[in-house]
Amino acid sequence: MWTGLAVALFLAQSPVPELISKARQAMISGELHTAEQLLQQAVTAEPKANTARFLLGFCFYLENDFASAEKTLAAADPKDARVNLYRALAQEGLGRTDDAIEFYKRASSSDSRNTEIHAAWARLLRKRGDPMTAEALVDQALAIEPANRDLLYLKGQCLFDRGEYAKAAGAGERALTAQGAAPSEREVRFLLARAWLKAGDPARAANHRKVFESLPMPLVR
């Protein structure tokens, strides 16, 4: 068994922390291929480096290489909520929605207050035609982060699904003013245009539709 001093000496000599640090910077700069190379070096130098494995799997996911993402993340820490979240997302990308749900359950068990997990899981459930369970997950997440833009937008979508159009519009209006990069203003405005029209307020719907049409289409990577 290693002593504390031996561990400290190993960490001081290991190139892995520096490789991970450089990889993070490369990812921030959008240089995913460079980040991949650095993380591959880190994993080779220290096969049990779970952080490096997670980040490498995350890189593959960002590049839409879902098979490589799943394979890499499968070798990372199975108790890490982030690992299970991105395994779920990778399984979705591969069209394996039943497997994805199992990983969402594991991720939530590991970190029940992670609202990103709730949101991703709820989106999948809506796609599968289970809006009630999706909305229950969104409500749990909103109890944790009531001003979360993504969650408010999802709540609006769930309300729209069950015909509560005025409430859907209200949730959408709150999402529009909330902080956050996603969803885009264009997505929120589209929900609002539909919801206000269904709620019987064509003037508000037209205003949102006008802004929606003026906003640029998102670039598809």
C-alpha atoms as a PDB file:
ATOM      1  CA  MET A   1       0.000   0.000   0.000  1.00  0.00           C
ATOM      2  CA  TRP A   2       1.271   3.419  -0.895  1.00  0.00           C
ATOM      3  CA  THR A   3       2.099   5.853   1.887  1.00  0.00           C
ATOM      4  CA  GLY A   4       0.854   9.438   1.786  1.00  0.00           C
ATOM      5  CA  LEU A   5       4.364  10.588   0.884  1.00  0.00           C
ATOM      6  CA  ALA A   6       4.581   8.113  -2.007  1.00  0.00           C
ATOM      7  CA  VAL A   7       1.242   9.340  -3.390  1.00  0.00           C
ATOM      8  CA  ALA A   8       2.381  12.954  -3.075  1.00  0.00           C
ATOM      9  CA  LEU A   9       5.622  12.198  -4.903  1.00  0.00           C
ATOM     10  CA  PHE A  10       3.760  10.366  -7.682  1.00  0.00           C
ATOM     11  CA  LEU A  11       1.332  13.247  -8.184  1.00  0.00           C
ATOM     12  CA  ALA A  12       4.188  15.721  -8.242  1.00  0.00           C
ATOM     13  CA  GLN A  13       5.875  13.735 -11.021  1.00  0.00           C
ATOM     14  CA  SER A  14       2.746  12.740 -12.965  1.00  0.00           C
ATOM     15  CA  PRO A  15       2.097  14.651 -16.214  1.00  0.00           C
ATOM     16  CA  VAL A  16      -1.647  13.995 -15.930  1.00  0.00           C
ATOM     17  CA  PRO A  17      -2.772  17.158 -14.048  1.00  0.00           C
ATOM     18  CA  GLU A  18      -0.977  19.398 -16.546  1.00  0.00           C
ATOM     19  CA  LEU A  19      -2.363  17.454 -19.497  1.00  0.00           C
ATOM     20  CA  ILE A  20      -5.892  17.765 -18.108  1.00  0.00           C
ATOM     21  CA  SER A  21      -5.417  21.482 -17.515  1.00  0.00           C
ATOM     22  CA  LYS A  22      -4.214  22.033 -21.079  1.00  0.00           C
ATOM     23  CA  ALA A  23      -7.057  19.906 -22.405  1.00  0.00           C
ATOM     24  CA  ARG A  24      -9.632  22.007 -20.533  1.00  0.00           C
ATOM     25  CA  GLN A  25      -8.192  25.164 -22.069  1.00  0.00           C
ATOM     26  CA  ALA A  26      -8.288  23.584 -25.524  1.00  0.00           C
ATOM     27  CA  MET A  27     -11.941  22.631 -25.015  1.00  0.00           C
ATOM     28  CA  ILE A  28     -12.809  26.168 -23.922  1.00  0.00           C
ATOM     29  CA  SER A  29     -11.140  27.424 -27.116  1.00  0.00           C
ATOM     30  CA  GLY A  30     -13.103  24.945 -29.218  1.00  0.00           C
ATOM     31  CA  GLU A  31     -10.002  22.943 -30.129  1.00  0.00           C
ATOM     32  CA  LEU A  32     -11.540  19.543 -29.485  1.00  0.00           C
ATOM     33  CA  HIS A  33      -9.034  17.568 -31.520  1.00  0.00           C
ATOM     34  CA  THR A  34      -6.153  19.040 -29.489  1.00  0.00           C
ATOM     35  CA  ALA A  35      -8.026  18.316 -26.265  1.00  0.00           C
ATOM     36  CA  GLU A  36      -8.578  14.719 -27.381  1.00  0.00           C
ATOM     37  CA  GLN A  37      -4.876  14.195 -28.026  1.00  0.00           C
ATOM     38  CA  LEU A  38      -3.937  15.605 -24.625  1.00  0.00           C
ATOM     39  CA  LEU A  39      -6.519  13.484 -22.829  1.00  0.00           C
ATOM     40  CA  GLN A  40      -5.456  10.356 -24.686  1.00  0.00           C
ATOM     41  CA  GLN A  41      -1.930  11.022 -23.399  1.00  0.00           C
ATOM     42  CA  ALA A  42      -3.289  11.456 -19.874  1.00  0.00           C
ATOM     43  CA  VAL A  43      -5.217   8.172 -19.998  1.00  0.00           C
ATOM     44  CA  THR A  44      -2.183   6.353 -21.387  1.00  0.00           C
ATOM     45  CA  ALA A  45       0.019   7.765 -18.621  1.00  0.00           C
ATOM     46  CA  GLU A  46      -2.525   6.972 -15.911  1.00  0.00           C
ATOM     47  CA  PRO A  47      -5.222   4.462 -16.990  1.00  0.00           C
ATOM     48  CA  LYS A  48      -7.252   5.052 -13.804  1.00  0.00           C
ATOM     49  CA  ALA A  49      -7.433   8.826 -14.300  1.00  0.00           C
ATOM     50  CA  ASN A  50     -11.229   9.123 -14.150  1.00  0.00           C
ATOM     51  CA  THR A  51     -11.304  12.860 -14.790  1.00  0.00           C
ATOM     52  CA  ALA A  52      -9.295  12.421 -17.989  1.00  0.00           C
ATOM     53  CA  ARG A  53     -11.580   9.598 -19.128  1.00  0.00           C
ATOM     54  CA  PHE A  54     -14.700  11.656 -18.442  1.00  0.00           C
ATOM     55  CA  LEU A  55     -13.354  14.666 -20.339  1.00  0.00           C
ATOM     56  CA  LEU A  56     -12.262  12.469 -23.248  1.00  0.00           C
ATOM     57  CA  GLY A  57     -15.736  10.935 -23.432  1.00  0.00           C
ATOM     58  CA  PHE A  58     -17.221  14.433 -23.226  1.00  0.00           C
ATOM     59  CA  CYS A  59     -15.040  15.515 -26.177  1.00  0.00           C
ATOM     60  CA  PHE A  60     -16.293  12.588 -28.246  1.00  0.00           C
ATOM     61  CA  TYR A  61     -19.875  13.491 -27.304  1.00  0.00           C
ATOM     62  CA  LEU A  62     -19.371  17.111 -28.417  1.00  0.00           C
ATOM     63  CA  GLU A  63     -18.115  15.795 -31.750  1.00  0.00           C
ATOM     64  CA  ASN A  64     -21.250  13.630 -32.086  1.00  0.00           C
ATOM     65  CA  ASP A  65     -19.108  10.480 -31.945  1.00  0.00           C
ATOM     66  CA  PHE A  66     -21.570   8.797 -29.617  1.00  0.00           C
ATOM     67  CA  ALA A  67     -20.139   5.284 -29.919  1.00  0.00           C
ATOM     68  CA  SER A  68     -16.659   6.454 -28.848  1.00  0.00           C
ATOM     69  CA  ALA A  69     -18.182   8.595 -26.105  1.00  0.00           C
ATOM     70  CA  GLU A  70     -20.076   5.628 -24.668  1.00  0.00           C
ATOM     71  CA  LYS A  71     -17.061   3.317 -24.886  1.00  0.00           C
ATOM     72  CA  THR A  72     -14.797   5.852 -23.151  1.00  0.00           C
ATOM     73  CA  LEU A  73     -17.286   6.810 -20.451  1.00  0.00           C
ATOM     74  CA  ALA A  74     -17.987   3.144 -19.707  1.00  0.00           C
ATOM     75  CA  ALA A  75     -14.423   2.925 -18.383  1.00  0.00           C
ATOM     76  CA  ALA A  76     -14.792   6.015 -16.169  1.00  0.00           C
ATOM     77  CA  ASP A  77     -16.141   6.240 -12.607  1.00  0.00           C
ATOM     78  CA  PRO A  78     -19.597   4.555 -12.636  1.00  0.00           C
ATOM     79  CA  LYS A  79     -20.637   6.494  -9.522  1.00  0.00           C
ATOM     80  CA  ASP A  80     -19.969   9.898 -11.095  1.00  0.00           C
ATOM     81  CA  ALA A  81     -23.251  11.618 -11.988  1.00  0.00           C
ATOM     82  CA  ARG A  82     -21.593  13.449 -14.903  1.00  0.00           C
ATOM     83  CA  VAL A  83     -20.391  10.159 -16.364  1.00  0.00           C
ATOM     84  CA  ASN A  84     -23.871   8.644 -16.203  1.00  0.00           C
ATOM     85  CA  LEU A  85     -25.463  11.812 -17.611  1.00  0.00           C
ATOM     86  CA  TYR A  86     -23.267  11.776 -20.695  1.00  0.00           C
ATOM     87  CA  ARG A  87     -23.617   8.029 -21.074  1.00  0.00           C
ATOM     88  CA  ALA A  88     -27.368   8.660 -21.173  1.00  0.00           C
ATOM     89  CA  LEU A  89     -26.946  11.399 -23.769  1.00  0.00           C
ATOM     90  CA  ALA A  90     -24.627   9.203 -25.838  1.00  0.00           C
ATOM     91  CA  GLN A  91     -27.169   6.378 -25.717  1.00  0.00           C
ATOM     92  CA  GLU A  92     -29.805   8.831 -26.946  1.00  0.00           C
ATOM     93  CA  GLY A  93     -27.524   9.769 -29.811  1.00  0.00           C
ATOM     94  CA  LEU A  94     -27.247   6.085 -30.686  1.00  0.00           C
ATOM     95  CA  GLY A  95     -31.032   5.720 -30.600  1.00  0.00           C
ATOM     96  CA  ARG A  96     -31.021   3.492 -27.512  1.00  0.00           C
ATOM     97  CA  THR A  97     -33.614   5.343 -25.467  1.00  0.00           C
ATOM     98  CA  ASP A  98     -34.332   2.544 -22.985  1.00  0.00           C
ATOM     99  CA  ASP A  99     -30.633   2.395 -22.079  1.00  0.00           C
ATOM    100  CA  ALA A 100     -30.544   6.188 -21.883  1.00  0.00           C
ATOM    101  CA  ILE A 101     -33.327   6.226 -19.291  1.00  0.00           C
ATOM    102  CA  GLU A 102     -31.442   3.710 -17.135  1.00  0.00           C
ATOM    103  CA  PHE A 103     -28.388   5.968 -17.147  1.00  0.00           C
ATOM    104  CA  TYR A 104     -30.520   9.022 -16.329  1.00  0.00           C
ATOM    105  CA  LYS A 105     -31.826   7.103 -13.310  1.00  0.00           C
ATOM    106  CA  ARG A 106     -28.277   6.285 -12.214  1.00  0.00           C
ATOM    107  CA  ALA A 107     -27.177   9.880 -12.715  1.00  0.00           C
ATOM    108  CA  SER A 108     -30.092  11.198 -10.663  1.00  0.00           C
ATOM    109  CA  SER A 109     -29.393   8.681  -7.889  1.00  0.00           C
ATOM    110  CA  SER A 110     -25.805   9.931  -7.725  1.00  0.00           C
ATOM    111  CA  ASP A 111     -26.786  13.624  -7.686  1.00  0.00           C
ATOM    112  CA  SER A 112     -30.481  14.251  -7.089  1.00  0.00           C
ATOM    113  CA  ARG A 113     -30.038  18.046  -7.118  1.00  0.00           C
ATOM    114  CA  ASN A 114     -28.404  18.232 -10.533  1.00  0.00           C
ATOM    115  CA  THR A 115     -31.054  20.003 -12.596  1.00  0.00           C
ATOM    116  CA  GLU A 116     -29.186  19.366 -15.856  1.00  0.00           C
ATOM    117  CA  ILE A 117     -29.987  15.681 -15.376  1.00  0.00           C
ATOM    118  CA  HIS A 118     -33.665  16.422 -14.740  1.00  0.00           C
ATOM    119  CA  ALA A 119     -33.878  18.594 -17.857  1.00  0.00           C
ATOM    120  CA  ALA A 120     -32.198  16.110 -20.203  1.00  0.00           C
ATOM    121  CA  TRP A 121     -34.282  13.231 -18.857  1.00  0.00           C
ATOM    122  CA  ALA A 122     -37.494  15.249 -19.207  1.00  0.00           C
ATOM    123  CA  ARG A 123     -36.694  16.119 -22.822  1.00  0.00           C
ATOM    124  CA  LEU A 124     -36.297  12.443 -23.661  1.00  0.00           C
ATOM    125  CA  LEU A 125     -39.558  11.536 -21.940  1.00  0.00           C
ATOM    126  CA  ARG A 126     -41.435  14.185 -23.927  1.00  0.00           C
ATOM    127  CA  LYS A 127     -40.029  12.716 -27.142  1.00  0.00           C
ATOM    128  CA  ARG A 128     -41.198   9.273 -26.023  1.00  0.00           C
ATOM    129  CA  GLY A 129     -44.719  10.555 -25.439  1.00  0.00           C
ATOM    130  CA  ASP A 130     -44.667  10.667 -21.639  1.00  0.00           C
ATOM    131  CA  PRO A 131     -45.283  14.372 -20.886  1.00  0.00           C
ATOM    132  CA  MET A 132     -46.705  13.764 -17.395  1.00  0.00           C
ATOM    133  CA  THR A 133     -43.539  12.114 -16.066  1.00  0.00           C
ATOM    134  CA  ALA A 134     -41.463  14.714 -17.916  1.00  0.00           C
ATOM    135  CA  GLU A 135     -43.348  17.545 -16.202  1.00  0.00           C
ATOM    136  CA  ALA A 136     -42.932  15.904 -12.789  1.00  0.00           C
ATOM    137  CA  LEU A 137     -39.153  15.901 -13.337  1.00  0.00           C
ATOM    138  CA  VAL A 138     -39.243  19.538 -14.454  1.00  0.00           C
ATOM    139  CA  ASP A 139     -41.240  20.494 -11.343  1.00  0.00           C
ATOM    140  CA  GLN A 140     -38.691  18.757  -9.097  1.00  0.00           C
ATOM    141  CA  ALA A 141     -35.899  20.680 -10.808  1.00  0.00           C
ATOM    142  CA  LEU A 142     -37.746  24.011 -10.615  1.00  0.00           C
ATOM    143  CA  ALA A 143     -38.090  23.526  -6.851  1.00  0.00           C
ATOM    144  CA  ILE A 144     -34.275  23.551  -6.803  1.00  0.00           C
ATOM    145  CA  GLU A 145     -33.693  26.278  -9.427  1.00  0.00           C
ATOM    146  CA  PRO A 146     -36.898  28.306  -9.912  1.00  0.00           C
ATOM    147  CA  ALA A 147     -35.251  30.880 -12.212  1.00  0.00           C
ATOM    148  CA  ASN A 148     -33.546  28.372 -14.540  1.00  0.00           C
ATOM    149  CA  ARG A 149     -34.202  29.425 -18.152  1.00  0.00           C
ATOM    150  CA  ASP A 150     -34.062  25.913 -19.597  1.00  0.00           C
ATOM    151  CA  LEU A 151     -36.416  24.527 -16.957  1.00  0.00           C
ATOM    152  CA  LEU A 152     -38.937  27.347 -17.385  1.00  0.00           C
ATOM    153  CA  TYR A 153     -38.941  26.726 -21.136  1.00  0.00           C
ATOM    154  CA  LEU A 154     -39.446  22.993 -20.568  1.00  0.00           C
ATOM    155  CA  LYS A 155     -42.281  23.745 -18.148  1.00  0.00           C
ATOM    156  CA  GLY A 156     -43.906  25.877 -20.830  1.00  0.00           C
ATOM    157  CA  GLN A 157     -43.596  23.024 -23.328  1.00  0.00           C
ATOM    158  CA  CYS A 158     -45.148  20.572 -20.863  1.00  0.00           C
ATOM    159  CA  LEU A 159     -48.036  22.938 -20.144  1.00  0.00           C
ATOM    160  CA  PHE A 160     -48.567  23.394 -23.883  1.00  0.00           C
ATOM    161  CA  ASP A 161     -48.635  19.602 -24.299  1.00  0.00           C
ATOM    162  CA  ARG A 162     -51.625  19.327 -21.983  1.00  0.00           C
ATOM    163  CA  GLY A 163     -53.500  22.332 -23.347  1.00  0.00           C
ATOM    164  CA  GLU A 164     -52.736  24.841 -20.575  1.00  0.00           C
ATOM    165  CA  TYR A 165     -51.862  27.484 -23.144  1.00  0.00           C
ATOM    166  CA  ALA A 166     -52.051  30.643 -20.998  1.00  0.00           C
ATOM    167  CA  LYS A 167     -49.898  29.011 -18.321  1.00  0.00           C
ATOM    168  CA  ALA A 168     -47.514  27.811 -21.016  1.00  0.00           C
ATOM    169  CA  ALA A 169     -47.185  31.375 -22.245  1.00  0.00           C
ATOM    170  CA  GLY A 170     -46.567  32.571 -18.677  1.00  0.00           C
ATOM    171  CA  ALA A 171     -43.754  30.077 -18.225  1.00  0.00           C
ATOM    172  CA  GLY A 172     -42.339  31.091 -21.601  1.00  0.00           C
ATOM    173  CA  GLU A 173     -42.376  34.781 -20.654  1.00  0.00           C
ATOM    174  CA  ARG A 174     -40.418  33.982 -17.492  1.00  0.00           C
ATOM    175  CA  ALA A 175     -37.967  31.908 -19.519  1.00  0.00           C
ATOM    176  CA  LEU A 176     -37.484  34.820 -21.918  1.00  0.00           C
ATOM    177  CA  THR A 177     -36.204  37.108 -19.154  1.00  0.00           C
ATOM    178  CA  ALA A 178     -34.266  34.460 -17.233  1.00  0.00           C
ATOM    179  CA  GLN A 179     -30.483  34.169 -17.476  1.00  0.00           C
ATOM    180  CA  GLY A 180     -28.900  31.335 -19.453  1.00  0.00           C
ATOM    181  CA  ALA A 181     -27.461  30.449 -22.831  1.00  0.00           C
ATOM    182  CA  ALA A 182     -30.066  27.830 -23.685  1.00  0.00           C
ATOM    183  CA  PRO A 183     -32.651  27.651 -25.006  1.00  0.00           C
ATOM    184  CA  SER A 184     -32.114  30.409 -27.551  1.00  0.00           C
ATOM    185  CA  GLU A 185     -34.377  33.442 -27.686  1.00  0.00           C
ATOM    186  CA  ARG A 186     -35.632  32.162 -31.031  1.00  0.00           C
ATOM    187  CA  GLU A 187     -36.810  28.892 -29.452  1.00  0.00           C
ATOM    188  CA  VAL A 188     -38.575  30.689 -26.605  1.00  0.00           C
ATOM    189  CA  ARG A 189     -40.247  33.168 -28.954  1.00  0.00           C
ATOM    190  CA  PHE A 190     -41.569  30.296 -31.074  1.00  0.00           C
ATOM    191  CA  LEU A 191     -43.151  28.697 -27.999  1.00  0.00           C
ATOM    192  CA  LEU A 192     -44.646  32.033 -26.987  1.00  0.00           C
ATOM    193  CA  ALA A 193     -46.095  32.707 -30.437  1.00  0.00           C
ATOM    194  CA  ARG A 194     -47.827  29.332 -30.423  1.00  0.00           C
ATOM    195  CA  ALA A 195     -48.962  29.508 -26.802  1.00  0.00           C
ATOM    196  CA  TRP A 196     -50.434  33.023 -26.964  1.00  0.00           C
ATOM    197  CA  LEU A 197     -52.250  32.197 -30.188  1.00  0.00           C
ATOM    198  CA  LYS A 198     -53.788  29.088 -28.624  1.00  0.00           C
ATOM    199  CA  ALA A 199     -54.581  31.099 -25.471  1.00  0.00           C
ATOM    200  CA  GLY A 200     -56.671  33.527 -27.536  1.00  0.00           C
ATOM    201  CA  ASP A 201     -54.290  36.498 -27.654  1.00  0.00           C
ATOM    202  CA  PRO A 202     -53.343  36.858 -31.339  1.00  0.00           C
ATOM    203  CA  ALA A 203     -51.778  40.308 -30.815  1.00  0.00           C
ATOM    204  CA  ARG A 204     -49.182  39.004 -28.371  1.00  0.00           C
ATOM    205  CA  ALA A 205     -48.669  35.951 -30.544  1.00  0.00           C
ATOM    206  CA  ALA A 206     -48.019  38.186 -33.573  1.00  0.00           C
ATOM    207  CA  ASN A 207     -45.471  40.272 -31.640  1.00  0.00           C
ATOM    208  CA  HIS A 208     -43.514  37.201 -30.623  1.00  0.00           C
ATOM    209  CA  ARG A 209     -43.785  35.754 -34.130  1.00  0.00           C
ATOM    210  CA  LYS A 210     -42.372  38.972 -35.588  1.00  0.00           C
ATOM    211  CA  VAL A 211     -39.346  38.866 -33.284  1.00  0.00           C
ATOM    212  CA  PHE A 212     -38.934  35.131 -33.919  1.00  0.00           C
ATOM    213  CA  GLU A 213     -38.763  35.710 -37.674  1.00  0.00           C
ATOM    214  CA  SER A 214     -36.229  38.534 -37.259  1.00  0.00           C
ATOM    215  CA  LEU A 215     -33.759  36.384 -35.326  1.00  0.00           C
ATOM    216  CA  PRO A 216     -31.077  34.460 -37.254  1.00  0.00           C
ATOM    217  CA  MET A 217     -31.349  30.725 -37.700  1.00  0.00           C
ATOM    218  CA  PRO A 218     -28.890  28.865 -35.452  1.00  0.00           C
ATOM    219  CA  LEU A 219     -25.784  27.398 -37.025  1.00  0.00           C
ATOM    220  CA  VAL A 220     -25.830  23.598 -37.112  1.00  0.00           C
ATOM    221  CA  ARG A 221     -22.459  22.050 -36.237  1.00  0.00           C
END
